[in-house]
Amino acid sequence: MIETIHVKNFKSIIDDNIKLKGLTVIIGPNGSGKSNLIKALDFLATILNNNTVAAVNKYGGFTGIVPKAIQTKDFRKTQIEFEYITQSSCFAGGTGGLRRGGWL
């Protein structure tokens, strides 16, 4: 289960950490970044399932990813990270481990 998501300089999200629980509901006014949070996860999934070029192209190139508020269009400033807990099944029960993943 993903526990934490950190998104930096992706579309309208300048720098945000989101902690998730078993059921997380994302609410907020129009234009607050709800859809861009989902797009950040999709962007990361596209990188993991394909490659970075496919993910960048899917979102319209560098200018479609880096926030308009940032003066430079330096793509290297975009960052998406996540932390998740894994449950490995053992005969005596489950053991958990914290894992980190992401894309810089």
N, C-alpha and C. Protein backbone atom coordinates (compact mmCIF):
# COMPACT_ATOMS: atom_id res chain seq x y z
N MET A 1 0.83 -1.16 0.00
CA MET A 1 0.00 0.00 0.00
C MET A 1 0.89 1.24 0.00
N ILE A 2 0.59 2.19 -0.85
CA ILE A 2 1.32 3.45 -0.87
C ILE A 2 0.94 4.24 0.38
N GLU A 3 1.94 4.71 1.12
CA GLU A 3 1.70 5.48 2.33
C GLU A 3 1.89 6.98 2.14
N THR A 4 2.89 7.36 1.38
CA THR A 4 3.21 8.77 1.19
C THR A 4 3.54 9.03 -0.27
N ILE A 5 3.07 10.16 -0.76
CA ILE A 5 3.41 10.62 -2.11
C ILE A 5 3.99 12.02 -1.98
N HIS A 6 5.13 12.25 -2.61
CA HIS A 6 5.74 13.57 -2.65
C HIS A 6 5.83 13.98 -4.12
N VAL A 7 5.19 15.07 -4.45
CA VAL A 7 5.19 15.58 -5.82
C VAL A 7 5.79 16.98 -5.79
N LYS A 8 6.74 17.23 -6.67
CA LYS A 8 7.40 18.54 -6.72
C LYS A 8 7.52 18.99 -8.17
N ASN A 9 7.00 20.18 -8.45
CA ASN A 9 7.10 20.80 -9.78
C ASN A 9 6.51 19.94 -10.89
N PHE A 10 5.31 19.45 -10.66
CA PHE A 10 4.59 18.69 -11.67
C PHE A 10 3.26 19.39 -11.91
N LYS A 11 3.10 19.93 -13.11
CA LYS A 11 1.90 20.67 -13.50
C LYS A 11 1.63 21.77 -12.48
N SER A 12 0.49 21.78 -11.80
CA SER A 12 0.19 22.87 -10.86
C SER A 12 0.70 22.60 -9.45
N ILE A 13 1.30 21.46 -9.21
CA ILE A 13 1.77 21.11 -7.87
C ILE A 13 3.23 21.55 -7.73
N ILE A 14 3.44 22.55 -6.87
CA ILE A 14 4.80 23.07 -6.69
C ILE A 14 5.59 22.18 -5.75
N ASP A 15 5.04 21.83 -4.60
CA ASP A 15 5.73 20.94 -3.65
C ASP A 15 4.70 20.48 -2.63
N ASP A 16 4.36 19.20 -2.66
CA ASP A 16 3.32 18.70 -1.77
C ASP A 16 3.63 17.27 -1.33
N ASN A 17 3.38 17.00 -0.05
CA ASN A 17 3.48 15.66 0.52
C ASN A 17 2.09 15.23 0.91
N ILE A 18 1.69 14.06 0.48
CA ILE A 18 0.36 13.54 0.78
C ILE A 18 0.53 12.22 1.51
N LYS A 19 -0.05 12.11 2.69
CA LYS A 19 -0.04 10.86 3.45
C LYS A 19 -1.36 10.16 3.20
N LEU A 20 -1.29 8.87 2.87
CA LEU A 20 -2.47 8.10 2.55
C LEU A 20 -2.76 7.07 3.63
N LYS A 21 -4.01 6.75 3.79
CA LYS A 21 -4.45 5.70 4.71
C LYS A 21 -5.15 4.62 3.88
N GLY A 22 -5.83 3.69 4.53
CA GLY A 22 -6.51 2.61 3.83
C GLY A 22 -7.49 3.12 2.77
N LEU A 23 -8.22 4.17 3.10
CA LEU A 23 -9.12 4.81 2.15
C LEU A 23 -8.85 6.30 2.22
N THR A 24 -8.42 6.87 1.13
CA THR A 24 -8.14 8.30 1.08
C THR A 24 -9.05 8.93 0.04
N VAL A 25 -9.76 9.97 0.45
CA VAL A 25 -10.64 10.71 -0.44
C VAL A 25 -9.98 12.04 -0.72
N ILE A 26 -9.86 12.38 -1.99
CA ILE A 26 -9.23 13.64 -2.38
C ILE A 26 -10.34 14.62 -2.73
N ILE A 27 -10.46 15.69 -1.93
CA ILE A 27 -11.48 16.70 -2.18
C ILE A 27 -10.82 18.07 -2.18
N GLY A 28 -11.48 19.02 -2.80
CA GLY A 28 -10.98 20.38 -2.82
C GLY A 28 -11.68 21.17 -3.89
N PRO A 29 -11.49 22.48 -3.86
CA PRO A 29 -12.15 23.33 -4.87
C PRO A 29 -11.56 23.11 -6.26
N ASN A 30 -12.27 23.59 -7.25
CA ASN A 30 -11.77 23.52 -8.62
C ASN A 30 -10.41 24.22 -8.70
N GLY A 31 -9.50 23.62 -9.47
CA GLY A 31 -8.19 24.21 -9.66
C GLY A 31 -7.22 24.02 -8.51
N SER A 32 -7.52 23.13 -7.56
CA SER A 32 -6.63 22.94 -6.41
C SER A 32 -5.58 21.86 -6.61
N GLY A 33 -5.65 21.11 -7.72
CA GLY A 33 -4.61 20.12 -8.02
C GLY A 33 -5.02 18.67 -7.85
N LYS A 34 -6.29 18.41 -7.62
CA LYS A 34 -6.74 17.01 -7.43
C LYS A 34 -6.42 16.16 -8.66
N SER A 35 -6.79 16.64 -9.81
CA SER A 35 -6.54 15.89 -11.05
C SER A 35 -5.05 15.76 -11.33
N ASN A 36 -4.29 16.79 -11.02
CA ASN A 36 -2.85 16.72 -11.28
C ASN A 36 -2.14 15.75 -10.35
N LEU A 37 -2.68 15.52 -9.16
CA LEU A 37 -2.14 14.47 -8.29
C LEU A 37 -2.32 13.10 -8.94
N ILE A 38 -3.50 12.86 -9.48
CA ILE A 38 -3.77 11.60 -10.18
C ILE A 38 -2.88 11.49 -11.42
N LYS A 39 -2.70 12.60 -12.13
CA LYS A 39 -1.84 12.59 -13.32
C LYS A 39 -0.38 12.32 -12.94
N ALA A 40 0.05 12.80 -11.78
CA ALA A 40 1.42 12.52 -11.33
C ALA A 40 1.61 11.02 -11.11
N LEU A 41 0.62 10.38 -10.53
CA LEU A 41 0.70 8.92 -10.34
C LEU A 41 0.68 8.20 -11.69
N ASP A 42 -0.14 8.68 -12.61
CA ASP A 42 -0.18 8.09 -13.94
C ASP A 42 1.15 8.29 -14.67
N PHE A 43 1.74 9.47 -14.51
CA PHE A 43 3.04 9.77 -15.10
C PHE A 43 4.09 8.78 -14.60
N LEU A 44 4.10 8.57 -13.28
CA LEU A 44 5.03 7.61 -12.69
C LEU A 44 4.77 6.19 -13.19
N ALA A 45 3.50 5.81 -13.28
CA ALA A 45 3.16 4.47 -13.78
C ALA A 45 3.60 4.30 -15.23
N THR A 46 3.46 5.35 -16.03
CA THR A 46 3.89 5.27 -17.43
C THR A 46 5.40 5.08 -17.52
N ILE A 47 6.14 5.77 -16.66
CA ILE A 47 7.60 5.58 -16.64
C ILE A 47 7.94 4.14 -16.27
N LEU A 48 7.29 3.63 -15.23
CA LEU A 48 7.60 2.27 -14.76
C LEU A 48 7.20 1.21 -15.77
N ASN A 49 6.08 1.43 -16.48
CA ASN A 49 5.60 0.44 -17.45
C ASN A 49 6.20 0.60 -18.84
N ASN A 50 6.67 1.78 -19.18
CA ASN A 50 7.23 2.05 -20.50
C ASN A 50 8.62 2.65 -20.34
N ASN A 51 8.68 3.98 -20.41
CA ASN A 51 9.93 4.69 -20.21
C ASN A 51 9.63 6.18 -20.02
N THR A 52 10.66 6.94 -19.69
CA THR A 52 10.49 8.36 -19.42
C THR A 52 10.01 9.12 -20.65
N VAL A 53 10.54 8.79 -21.81
CA VAL A 53 10.15 9.48 -23.04
C VAL A 53 8.65 9.31 -23.30
N ALA A 54 8.14 8.11 -23.11
CA ALA A 54 6.71 7.86 -23.31
C ALA A 54 5.87 8.69 -22.34
N ALA A 55 6.33 8.80 -21.09
CA ALA A 55 5.59 9.58 -20.09
C ALA A 55 5.60 11.07 -20.43
N VAL A 56 6.75 11.58 -20.82
CA VAL A 56 6.85 13.00 -21.18
C VAL A 56 5.98 13.29 -22.39
N ASN A 57 6.03 12.44 -23.39
CA ASN A 57 5.21 12.64 -24.59
C ASN A 57 3.72 12.57 -24.28
N LYS A 58 3.33 11.68 -23.38
CA LYS A 58 1.92 11.53 -23.02
C LYS A 58 1.34 12.81 -22.45
N TYR A 59 2.19 13.58 -21.76
CA TYR A 59 1.73 14.83 -21.13
C TYR A 59 2.15 16.08 -21.90
N GLY A 60 2.44 15.93 -23.17
CA GLY A 60 2.67 17.09 -24.03
C GLY A 60 4.05 17.68 -23.99
N GLY A 61 5.04 16.89 -23.64
CA GLY A 61 6.41 17.39 -23.61
C GLY A 61 6.72 18.10 -22.30
N PHE A 62 7.93 18.67 -22.24
CA PHE A 62 8.39 19.31 -21.02
C PHE A 62 7.46 20.43 -20.56
N THR A 63 6.99 21.24 -21.49
CA THR A 63 6.15 22.38 -21.11
C THR A 63 4.80 21.95 -20.57
N GLY A 64 4.39 20.72 -20.83
CA GLY A 64 3.14 20.22 -20.29
C GLY A 64 3.28 19.65 -18.90
N ILE A 65 4.52 19.54 -18.41
CA ILE A 65 4.76 18.92 -17.11
C ILE A 65 5.21 19.94 -16.07
N VAL A 66 6.19 20.76 -16.41
CA VAL A 66 6.75 21.72 -15.46
C VAL A 66 5.74 22.84 -15.24
N PRO A 67 5.49 23.24 -13.98
CA PRO A 67 4.49 24.28 -13.70
C PRO A 67 4.81 25.59 -14.41
N LYS A 68 3.77 26.27 -14.83
CA LYS A 68 3.94 27.56 -15.50
C LYS A 68 4.53 28.60 -14.56
N ALA A 69 4.36 28.42 -13.25
CA ALA A 69 4.88 29.37 -12.26
C ALA A 69 6.41 29.33 -12.17
N ILE A 70 7.03 28.27 -12.67
CA ILE A 70 8.49 28.16 -12.62
C ILE A 70 9.05 28.84 -13.86
N GLN A 71 10.02 29.72 -13.65
CA GLN A 71 10.58 30.49 -14.75
C GLN A 71 11.26 29.61 -15.79
N THR A 72 12.03 28.66 -15.34
CA THR A 72 12.75 27.80 -16.26
C THR A 72 11.90 26.59 -16.63
N LYS A 73 12.09 26.06 -17.78
CA LYS A 73 11.41 24.84 -18.18
C LYS A 73 12.35 23.65 -18.02
N ASP A 74 13.19 23.73 -17.01
CA ASP A 74 14.16 22.66 -16.73
C ASP A 74 13.42 21.46 -16.16
N PHE A 75 13.29 20.44 -16.98
CA PHE A 75 12.53 19.24 -16.63
C PHE A 75 13.12 18.52 -15.44
N ARG A 76 14.42 18.67 -15.20
CA ARG A 76 15.06 17.95 -14.09
C ARG A 76 14.57 18.41 -12.73
N LYS A 77 13.82 19.50 -12.67
CA LYS A 77 13.30 19.99 -11.40
C LYS A 77 12.00 19.31 -11.00
N THR A 78 11.45 18.47 -11.87
CA THR A 78 10.22 17.74 -11.55
C THR A 78 10.58 16.47 -10.79
N GLN A 79 9.79 16.20 -9.75
CA GLN A 79 10.11 15.07 -8.88
C GLN A 79 8.82 14.43 -8.39
N ILE A 80 8.75 13.11 -8.47
CA ILE A 80 7.63 12.36 -7.92
C ILE A 80 8.23 11.19 -7.14
N GLU A 81 7.85 11.09 -5.88
CA GLU A 81 8.35 10.01 -5.03
C GLU A 81 7.18 9.38 -4.30
N PHE A 82 7.37 8.15 -3.86
CA PHE A 82 6.35 7.51 -3.07
C PHE A 82 7.00 6.54 -2.09
N GLU A 83 6.30 6.29 -0.99
CA GLU A 83 6.70 5.26 -0.03
C GLU A 83 5.56 4.28 0.08
N TYR A 84 5.91 3.01 0.18
CA TYR A 84 4.86 2.02 0.32
C TYR A 84 5.30 0.89 1.22
N ILE A 85 4.33 0.23 1.80
CA ILE A 85 4.56 -0.90 2.69
C ILE A 85 4.23 -2.17 1.93
N THR A 86 5.12 -3.15 2.02
CA THR A 86 4.84 -4.44 1.41
C THR A 86 4.57 -5.46 2.49
N GLN A 87 3.74 -6.38 2.19
CA GLN A 87 3.46 -7.49 3.10
C GLN A 87 3.94 -8.76 2.41
N SER A 88 4.99 -9.36 2.93
CA SER A 88 5.47 -10.61 2.36
C SER A 88 4.84 -11.75 3.14
N SER A 89 4.37 -12.74 2.45
CA SER A 89 3.69 -13.83 3.14
C SER A 89 4.70 -14.88 3.57
N CYS A 90 4.67 -15.19 4.84
CA CYS A 90 5.51 -16.23 5.42
C CYS A 90 4.58 -17.24 6.09
N PHE A 91 5.07 -18.45 6.31
CA PHE A 91 4.24 -19.46 6.96
C PHE A 91 3.86 -19.04 8.37
N ALA A 92 4.74 -18.32 9.06
CA ALA A 92 4.47 -17.92 10.44
C ALA A 92 3.65 -16.63 10.51
N GLY A 93 3.35 -16.02 9.39
CA GLY A 93 2.61 -14.76 9.38
C GLY A 93 3.25 -13.81 8.40
N GLY A 94 2.82 -12.59 8.45
CA GLY A 94 3.33 -11.60 7.50
C GLY A 94 4.37 -10.70 8.14
N THR A 95 5.32 -10.30 7.37
CA THR A 95 6.28 -9.31 7.83
C THR A 95 6.20 -8.15 6.85
N GLY A 96 6.34 -6.98 7.35
CA GLY A 96 6.23 -5.79 6.50
C GLY A 96 7.58 -5.15 6.32
N GLY A 97 7.70 -4.42 5.27
CA GLY A 97 8.93 -3.67 5.03
C GLY A 97 8.60 -2.37 4.34
N LEU A 98 9.30 -1.32 4.70
CA LEU A 98 9.10 -0.03 4.06
C LEU A 98 9.97 0.04 2.83
N ARG A 99 9.39 0.43 1.75
CA ARG A 99 10.12 0.58 0.50
C ARG A 99 9.96 2.02 0.02
N ARG A 100 10.92 2.49 -0.72
CA ARG A 100 10.83 3.81 -1.32
C ARG A 100 11.01 3.65 -2.82
N GLY A 101 10.30 4.46 -3.54
CA GLY A 101 10.45 4.44 -4.98
C GLY A 101 10.21 5.84 -5.51
N GLY A 102 10.47 6.02 -6.75
CA GLY A 102 10.19 7.33 -7.31
C GLY A 102 10.97 7.58 -8.57
N TRP A 103 10.80 8.76 -9.01
CA TRP A 103 11.47 9.19 -10.22
C TRP A 103 11.91 10.61 -10.02
N LEU A 104 13.14 10.92 -10.35
CA LEU A 104 13.64 12.27 -10.20
C LEU A 104 13.94 12.85 -11.56
